[in-house]
Amino acid sequence: MTGIVVLFGYAVVLAVVGPRLLVRARWVQRLPRLGIAAWQALSYSLVAAVVLGGVELTMPTLCVSPDFSRLAAGCERALRWRFDSAGGALLGAVGGLLAGTVLVRTGYAVVRAGISAARARGRQREHLAVLGRYDPRLGATVVDHHAPAAYCLPGRGGRVVITTAALDALDGEQLRAVLAHERAHLRERHELVLAAAAALTRALPHVRAMAVAREQIALLVEMVADDVASAQADRLTVADALLTLASSPAPVAALGAAGTTSAVRIRRLIAAEPVGG
């Protein structure tokens, strides 16, 4: 019973206290890669604690043996002991249902998100094949459009997309920074980081910590890309480029320099504090 209390207590602390500490921690935005790892550790640990707590409710006796037959016999005895009484059977059923539900929902969310993203990116590629033209000088696909926008389409044959309005609005240094930002997303496979965070949010929709983790990870992956862009131009230039693109978010299943996080990122870039990765 002690193990059950520890596991579920740990999950509660992570869900309630963890997000508050990370949101307030200044180092998270100074070191966004480390911040992403911290939010991932919180999310994965929370899921693992809930699943293991459910398993502990179902099978309170640890079954460990290099001999498979002995391992199976030990697990059978543990299950018989747990389900020998009505109260034990109820606890075991609740634990098994909890662990199984979390695992199934997580797996389903991952598969569903992957299929949905693949379909959306497929539609985007079809549109770009008709509307876009590849510019080898930029290493990007150019689309005629009145709104300044830039984004990347991850996955198979990942590509950077930029509109003609963005090319007109950005100067040479700003353009290099924006292209570097989008290539950073593709190179570091940020779509997988975001997909994992979204899947955990769908798996545990009533756990606020998961939604906060998803929001913060989405912000931090953009900050990572901003820091890469800052290596191509000074931070104020990157901030100006973001301001130019701020009104044109990326399409579904794409990652773009603009979006709802632009204001926070612009303030970070113009702050006197140096940016770290």
Protein backbone atom coordinates (compact mmCIF):
# COMPACT_ATOMS: atom_id res chain seq x y z
CA MET A 1 0.00 0.00 0.00
CA THR A 2 2.94 2.33 0.67
CA GLY A 3 4.02 2.10 -2.96
CA ILE A 4 0.52 3.02 -4.15
CA VAL A 5 0.40 6.07 -1.89
CA VAL A 6 3.86 7.17 -3.04
CA LEU A 7 3.04 6.78 -6.74
CA PHE A 8 -0.31 8.57 -6.65
CA GLY A 9 1.07 11.21 -4.27
CA TYR A 10 3.93 11.81 -6.68
CA ALA A 11 1.46 12.14 -9.57
CA VAL A 12 -0.60 14.71 -7.63
CA VAL A 13 2.48 16.75 -6.76
CA LEU A 14 3.61 16.72 -10.38
CA ALA A 15 0.16 17.74 -11.62
CA VAL A 16 -0.36 20.54 -9.08
CA VAL A 17 3.04 21.88 -8.11
CA GLY A 18 5.22 20.99 -11.13
CA PRO A 19 3.59 23.30 -13.69
CA ARG A 20 3.60 26.25 -11.31
CA LEU A 21 7.30 25.88 -10.63
CA LEU A 22 8.26 25.50 -14.28
CA VAL A 23 6.09 28.37 -15.51
CA ARG A 24 7.72 30.70 -12.97
CA ALA A 25 11.28 29.48 -13.55
CA ARG A 26 13.21 32.07 -15.57
CA TRP A 27 15.85 29.58 -16.71
CA VAL A 28 13.25 27.68 -18.77
CA GLN A 29 13.00 30.45 -21.38
CA ARG A 30 16.71 31.29 -21.18
CA LEU A 31 17.51 27.64 -21.98
CA PRO A 32 14.54 26.49 -24.06
CA ARG A 33 15.94 23.09 -25.02
CA LEU A 34 16.44 22.24 -21.37
CA GLY A 35 12.99 23.68 -20.66
CA ILE A 36 11.41 21.34 -23.22
CA ALA A 37 13.17 18.39 -21.58
CA ALA A 38 11.86 19.49 -18.16
CA TRP A 39 8.25 19.71 -19.38
CA GLN A 40 8.57 16.35 -21.12
CA ALA A 41 9.99 14.78 -17.97
CA LEU A 42 7.04 16.15 -15.97
CA SER A 43 4.47 14.86 -18.47
CA TYR A 44 5.97 11.41 -18.96
CA SER A 45 6.61 10.94 -15.24
CA LEU A 46 3.01 11.86 -14.47
CA VAL A 47 1.66 9.30 -16.92
CA ALA A 48 4.10 6.65 -15.70
CA ALA A 49 3.17 7.27 -12.04
CA VAL A 50 -0.55 6.88 -12.78
CA VAL A 51 -0.02 3.70 -14.82
CA LEU A 52 2.32 2.13 -12.27
CA GLY A 53 -0.05 3.08 -9.47
CA GLY A 54 -2.83 1.27 -11.31
CA VAL A 55 -0.63 -1.77 -11.81
CA GLU A 56 0.30 -1.72 -8.12
CA LEU A 57 -3.39 -1.72 -7.20
CA THR A 58 -3.94 -4.76 -9.42
CA MET A 59 -0.80 -6.68 -8.46
CA PRO A 60 0.62 -5.47 -5.12
CA THR A 61 3.36 -8.11 -4.98
CA LEU A 62 6.37 -7.55 -7.21
CA CYS A 63 7.04 -10.58 -9.43
CA VAL A 64 10.69 -10.80 -10.48
CA SER A 65 12.50 -13.94 -11.64
CA PRO A 66 14.83 -14.90 -14.49
CA ASP A 67 12.84 -18.13 -14.81
CA PHE A 68 9.69 -17.48 -16.85
CA SER A 69 7.75 -20.31 -15.24
CA ARG A 70 8.52 -19.00 -11.75
CA LEU A 71 7.68 -15.47 -12.87
CA ALA A 72 4.30 -16.62 -14.21
CA ALA A 73 3.57 -18.62 -11.07
CA GLY A 74 4.48 -15.67 -8.84
CA CYS A 75 2.24 -13.31 -10.80
CA GLU A 76 -0.60 -15.83 -10.62
CA ARG A 77 -0.24 -16.06 -6.81
CA ALA A 78 -0.20 -12.26 -6.51
CA LEU A 79 -3.37 -11.96 -8.58
CA ARG A 80 -5.11 -14.69 -6.60
CA TRP A 81 -4.19 -12.94 -3.36
CA ARG A 82 -5.46 -9.58 -4.64
CA PHE A 83 -8.76 -10.98 -5.94
CA ASP A 84 -9.36 -13.33 -3.01
CA SER A 85 -11.71 -10.84 -1.28
CA ALA A 86 -14.43 -8.54 -2.57
CA GLY A 87 -12.50 -5.43 -1.49
CA GLY A 88 -9.30 -6.67 -3.08
CA ALA A 89 -11.12 -7.57 -6.26
CA LEU A 90 -12.60 -4.07 -6.45
CA LEU A 91 -9.20 -2.44 -5.94
CA GLY A 92 -7.64 -4.73 -8.52
CA ALA A 93 -10.36 -3.98 -11.05
CA VAL A 94 -10.05 -0.23 -10.49
CA GLY A 95 -6.27 -0.37 -10.81
CA GLY A 96 -6.36 -2.48 -13.96
CA LEU A 97 -9.01 -0.24 -15.50
CA LEU A 98 -7.01 2.90 -14.65
CA ALA A 99 -3.71 1.63 -16.03
CA GLY A 100 -5.32 0.11 -19.11
CA THR A 101 -7.39 3.20 -19.87
CA VAL A 102 -4.42 5.56 -19.68
CA LEU A 103 -2.27 3.30 -21.85
CA VAL A 104 -4.98 2.72 -24.45
CA ARG A 105 -5.98 6.40 -24.60
CA THR A 106 -2.34 7.45 -24.96
CA GLY A 107 -1.69 4.95 -27.74
CA TYR A 108 -4.91 5.89 -29.52
CA ALA A 109 -4.10 9.60 -29.25
CA VAL A 110 -0.62 9.07 -30.69
CA VAL A 111 -1.92 7.05 -33.65
CA ARG A 112 -4.83 9.40 -34.29
CA ALA A 113 -2.60 12.49 -34.16
CA GLY A 114 -0.10 10.88 -36.53
CA ILE A 115 -2.76 9.96 -39.08
CA SER A 116 -4.44 13.36 -38.87
CA ALA A 117 -1.14 15.23 -39.30
CA ALA A 118 -0.10 13.02 -42.22
CA ARG A 119 -3.38 13.70 -44.01
CA ALA A 120 -3.20 17.45 -43.40
CA ARG A 121 0.39 17.60 -44.65
CA GLY A 122 -0.57 15.54 -47.68
CA ARG A 123 -3.25 18.09 -48.55
CA GLN A 124 -0.76 20.91 -48.06
CA ARG A 125 1.73 19.24 -50.39
CA GLU A 126 -0.96 18.86 -53.05
CA HIS A 127 -1.80 22.56 -52.78
CA LEU A 128 1.86 23.56 -52.93
CA ALA A 129 2.40 21.40 -56.00
CA VAL A 130 -0.17 23.56 -57.79
CA LEU A 131 0.30 26.98 -56.19
CA GLY A 132 3.98 27.03 -55.24
CA ARG A 133 7.29 27.16 -57.07
CA TYR A 134 10.62 26.07 -55.67
CA ASP A 135 13.31 28.75 -55.50
CA PRO A 136 16.76 27.08 -55.31
CA ARG A 137 18.36 30.36 -54.25
CA LEU A 138 16.21 30.46 -51.14
CA GLY A 139 15.93 26.71 -50.71
CA ALA A 140 12.21 27.28 -50.17
CA THR A 141 8.86 27.06 -51.94
CA VAL A 142 7.41 30.46 -52.88
CA VAL A 143 3.65 31.01 -52.95
CA ASP A 144 1.94 34.07 -54.41
CA HIS A 145 -0.09 35.57 -51.58
CA HIS A 146 -0.94 39.05 -50.30
CA ALA A 147 -0.21 38.21 -46.64
CA PRO A 148 3.41 37.95 -45.39
CA ALA A 149 3.86 34.41 -44.06
CA ALA A 150 6.56 31.80 -43.62
CA TYR A 151 6.26 28.26 -42.35
CA CYS A 152 7.67 24.79 -42.72
CA LEU A 153 5.89 21.59 -43.63
CA PRO A 154 7.51 18.75 -41.65
CA GLY A 155 7.49 15.05 -42.41
CA ARG A 156 8.47 13.30 -45.61
CA GLY A 157 10.27 15.73 -47.91
CA GLY A 158 9.99 18.56 -45.37
CA ARG A 159 10.05 21.97 -46.95
CA VAL A 160 10.10 25.66 -46.09
CA VAL A 161 7.33 27.82 -47.57
CA ILE A 162 7.30 31.62 -47.88
CA THR A 163 4.87 33.99 -49.54
CA THR A 164 5.70 36.71 -52.06
CA ALA A 165 4.36 39.30 -49.62
CA ALA A 166 6.90 38.13 -47.04
CA LEU A 167 9.71 38.40 -49.58
CA ASP A 168 8.65 41.97 -50.29
CA ALA A 169 8.30 42.89 -46.60
CA LEU A 170 11.53 41.36 -45.25
CA ASP A 171 15.00 42.70 -45.91
CA GLY A 172 17.89 40.36 -46.65
CA GLU A 173 18.99 39.86 -43.05
CA GLN A 174 15.43 39.32 -41.82
CA LEU A 175 14.80 36.81 -44.59
CA ARG A 176 17.92 34.79 -43.66
CA ALA A 177 16.76 34.72 -40.06
CA VAL A 178 13.23 33.56 -40.95
CA LEU A 179 14.52 30.80 -43.23
CA ALA A 180 16.96 29.67 -40.52
CA HIS A 181 14.07 29.61 -38.02
CA GLU A 182 11.98 27.31 -40.22
CA ARG A 183 14.90 25.02 -41.07
CA ALA A 184 15.59 24.64 -37.36
CA HIS A 185 12.08 23.24 -36.91
CA LEU A 186 12.69 20.68 -39.66
CA ARG A 187 16.19 19.73 -38.52
CA GLU A 188 15.24 19.26 -34.86
CA ARG A 189 11.99 17.42 -35.67
CA HIS A 190 9.89 19.73 -33.54
CA GLU A 191 6.71 18.27 -35.01
CA LEU A 192 7.38 15.05 -33.07
CA VAL A 193 7.89 16.97 -29.82
CA LEU A 194 4.59 18.80 -30.33
CA ALA A 195 2.76 15.64 -31.39
CA ALA A 196 3.80 13.83 -28.21
CA ALA A 197 2.64 16.74 -26.04
CA ALA A 198 -0.68 16.90 -27.87
CA ALA A 199 -1.21 13.14 -27.53
CA LEU A 200 -0.69 13.23 -23.76
CA THR A 201 -3.13 16.12 -23.50
CA ARG A 202 -5.78 14.11 -25.35
CA ALA A 203 -5.04 11.03 -23.28
CA LEU A 204 -5.54 12.90 -19.98
CA PRO A 205 -7.87 15.76 -20.97
CA HIS A 206 -8.94 16.54 -17.41
CA VAL A 207 -5.38 16.92 -16.10
CA ARG A 208 -4.62 20.61 -16.43
CA ALA A 209 -0.87 20.00 -16.16
CA MET A 210 -0.90 18.28 -19.57
CA ALA A 211 -2.54 21.24 -21.28
CA VAL A 212 -0.07 23.63 -19.65
CA ALA A 213 2.84 21.42 -20.72
CA ARG A 214 1.56 21.41 -24.30
CA GLU A 215 1.25 25.21 -24.37
CA GLN A 216 4.69 25.73 -22.86
CA ILE A 217 6.39 23.21 -25.14
CA ALA A 218 4.81 24.91 -28.18
CA LEU A 219 6.27 28.21 -26.96
CA LEU A 220 9.69 26.74 -26.21
CA VAL A 221 10.17 25.04 -29.58
CA GLU A 222 9.60 28.43 -31.19
CA MET A 223 12.16 29.97 -28.84
CA VAL A 224 14.67 27.30 -29.84
CA ALA A 225 14.13 28.22 -33.49
CA ASP A 226 14.36 31.94 -32.61
CA ASP A 227 17.76 31.32 -31.05
CA VAL A 228 18.92 29.57 -34.21
CA ALA A 229 17.66 32.55 -36.24
CA SER A 230 19.54 34.87 -33.91
CA ALA A 231 22.77 33.25 -35.08
CA GLN A 232 22.00 34.54 -38.58
CA ALA A 233 21.00 38.06 -37.50
CA ASP A 234 20.92 40.11 -34.33
CA ARG A 235 18.00 39.62 -31.95
CA LEU A 236 16.31 42.91 -32.84
CA THR A 237 16.29 41.94 -36.51
CA VAL A 238 14.66 38.63 -35.66
CA ALA A 239 12.10 40.47 -33.52
CA ASP A 240 11.30 42.82 -36.41
CA ALA A 241 10.84 39.84 -38.73
CA LEU A 242 8.47 38.18 -36.26
CA LEU A 243 6.49 41.40 -35.99
CA THR A 244 6.16 41.53 -39.77
CA LEU A 245 4.85 37.96 -39.91
CA ALA A 246 2.80 38.06 -36.72
CA SER A 247 -0.60 38.35 -38.39
CA SER A 248 -0.20 35.21 -40.54
CA PRO A 249 -0.14 31.95 -38.52
CA ALA A 250 0.93 28.70 -40.15
CA PRO A 251 -1.60 26.29 -41.71
CA VAL A 252 -2.74 23.17 -39.87
CA ALA A 253 0.06 20.59 -39.40
CA ALA A 254 2.74 23.16 -40.29
CA LEU A 255 5.13 25.09 -38.04
CA GLY A 256 5.53 28.82 -38.56
CA ALA A 257 7.55 31.71 -37.21
CA ALA A 258 4.35 33.63 -36.41
CA GLY A 259 1.45 32.67 -34.16
CA THR A 260 -0.10 33.30 -30.78
CA THR A 261 3.29 33.13 -29.05
CA SER A 262 4.83 35.96 -31.10
CA ALA A 263 4.38 38.69 -28.46
CA VAL A 264 6.14 36.70 -25.73
CA ARG A 265 8.97 35.77 -28.06
CA ILE A 266 9.43 39.31 -29.32
CA ARG A 267 9.71 40.59 -25.74
CA ARG A 268 12.28 37.89 -25.03
CA LEU A 269 14.34 38.81 -28.09
CA ILE A 270 14.47 42.53 -27.30
CA ALA A 271 15.24 41.98 -23.61
CA ALA A 272 18.70 42.89 -22.42
CA GLU A 273 19.22 39.37 -21.04
CA PRO A 274 21.27 37.22 -23.46
CA VAL A 275 19.51 34.38 -25.21
CA GLY A 276 20.71 30.84 -24.56
CA GLY A 277 19.94 27.50 -26.19
